Amino acid sequence: MTHDGRRLRDLAAQRLTIEAEPWLSCDDCFDQVDTFVESLLSGVEALPVAMRAHLRGCRACEEEARSLLLLAADERRVDAVPALARLTADQRRGEPSG
């Protein structure tokens, strides 16, 4: 058996063990990300549970949501910091402690 010398980083290992229920596919996430970003920017408190769970476990979709949020905030000429803080806080809530 060969070993390629790469180690799984702590954050990557945590993302593999995060509770991601209720389940949402990447395709479904992509279909809903616009509405999710609008909710973040408008300060809506009740955000979709499945979307939050998916973004905690899927780095690609989380990056897509973050990029879209920054673009939408820039287009509207609004401060993205509060929405980014909500997104970041939401992602940290699901991470295992350790």
Protein backbone atom coordinates (compact mmCIF):
# COMPACT_ATOMS: atom_id res chain seq x y z
CA MET A 1 0.00 0.00 0.00
CA THR A 2 1.37 3.40 -0.93
CA HIS A 3 0.93 6.65 0.93
CA ASP A 4 0.94 9.90 -0.98
CA GLY A 5 2.06 11.97 2.00
CA ARG A 6 -1.00 14.27 2.03
CA ARG A 7 -2.82 14.75 5.28
CA LEU A 8 -6.41 15.67 5.68
CA ARG A 9 -6.57 19.15 7.16
CA ASP A 10 -8.55 19.59 10.35
CA LEU A 11 -11.24 21.73 8.71
CA ALA A 12 -11.66 19.24 5.87
CA ALA A 13 -11.97 16.41 8.37
CA GLN A 14 -14.56 18.39 10.33
CA ARG A 15 -16.59 19.04 7.18
CA LEU A 16 -16.72 15.31 6.51
CA THR A 17 -18.28 14.69 9.92
CA ILE A 18 -20.75 17.59 10.03
CA GLU A 19 -24.40 16.71 10.35
CA ALA A 20 -25.88 17.52 6.94
CA GLU A 21 -29.51 16.60 7.51
CA PRO A 22 -31.96 17.37 6.08
CA TRP A 23 -30.20 16.43 2.88
CA LEU A 24 -30.07 18.75 -0.14
CA SER A 25 -28.21 17.98 -3.37
CA CYS A 26 -25.77 20.41 -4.97
CA ASP A 27 -28.20 20.81 -7.89
CA ASP A 28 -31.03 21.73 -5.51
CA CYS A 29 -28.70 24.05 -3.63
CA PHE A 30 -27.73 25.78 -6.87
CA ASP A 31 -31.42 26.20 -7.77
CA GLN A 32 -32.12 27.84 -4.39
CA VAL A 33 -28.96 29.88 -3.78
CA ASP A 34 -30.38 33.11 -5.28
CA THR A 35 -33.32 33.08 -2.87
CA PHE A 36 -31.01 32.17 0.01
CA VAL A 37 -28.68 35.09 -0.74
CA GLU A 38 -31.66 37.47 -1.01
CA SER A 39 -32.78 36.28 2.43
CA LEU A 40 -29.32 36.83 3.89
CA LEU A 41 -29.12 40.34 2.44
CA SER A 42 -32.61 41.28 3.60
CA GLY A 43 -32.03 39.97 7.13
CA VAL A 44 -34.73 37.30 7.09
CA GLU A 45 -34.40 35.31 10.29
CA ALA A 46 -35.89 31.96 9.24
CA LEU A 47 -33.45 30.57 6.68
CA PRO A 48 -34.03 27.15 5.05
CA VAL A 49 -32.71 24.37 7.27
CA ALA A 50 -31.71 22.11 4.37
CA MET A 51 -29.75 24.91 2.69
CA ARG A 52 -27.89 25.75 5.89
CA ALA A 53 -27.06 22.08 6.45
CA HIS A 54 -25.82 21.65 2.88
CA LEU A 55 -23.60 24.74 3.00
CA ARG A 56 -22.01 23.51 6.24
CA GLY A 57 -20.83 20.38 4.47
CA CYS A 58 -20.21 21.49 0.88
CA ARG A 59 -17.32 23.88 0.36
CA ALA A 60 -18.10 24.42 -3.34
CA CYS A 61 -21.69 25.48 -2.71
CA GLU A 62 -20.64 27.59 0.27
CA GLU A 63 -18.15 29.43 -1.94
CA GLU A 64 -20.84 29.91 -4.59
CA ALA A 65 -23.22 31.41 -2.01
CA ARG A 66 -20.49 33.69 -0.65
CA SER A 67 -19.50 34.90 -4.14
CA LEU A 68 -23.10 35.52 -5.14
CA LEU A 69 -23.74 37.38 -1.89
CA LEU A 70 -20.79 39.70 -2.51
CA LEU A 71 -21.88 40.32 -6.10
CA ALA A 72 -25.50 41.03 -5.15
CA ALA A 73 -24.47 43.35 -2.32
CA ASP A 74 -22.19 45.25 -4.69
CA GLU A 75 -24.95 45.58 -7.31
CA ARG A 76 -27.33 46.93 -4.68
CA ARG A 77 -24.64 49.10 -3.14
CA VAL A 78 -25.30 47.65 0.30
CA ASP A 79 -22.87 46.55 2.97
CA ALA A 80 -22.24 42.80 2.62
CA VAL A 81 -20.65 42.47 6.08
CA PRO A 82 -23.87 41.76 8.06
CA ALA A 83 -25.01 39.11 5.57
CA LEU A 84 -21.54 37.54 5.47
CA ALA A 85 -21.48 37.49 9.26
CA ARG A 86 -24.82 35.67 9.27
CA LEU A 87 -23.55 33.17 6.71
CA THR A 88 -20.30 32.59 8.61
CA ALA A 89 -22.04 32.28 11.98
CA ASP A 90 -24.50 29.84 10.49
CA GLN A 91 -21.69 27.70 9.09
CA ARG A 92 -19.83 27.63 12.41
CA ARG A 93 -22.94 26.51 14.30
CA GLY A 94 -22.82 23.13 12.61
CA GLU A 95 -19.11 22.44 12.99
CA PRO A 96 -18.03 19.89 15.55
CA SER A 97 -16.22 21.33 18.52
CA GLY A 98 -12.75 20.23 19.22
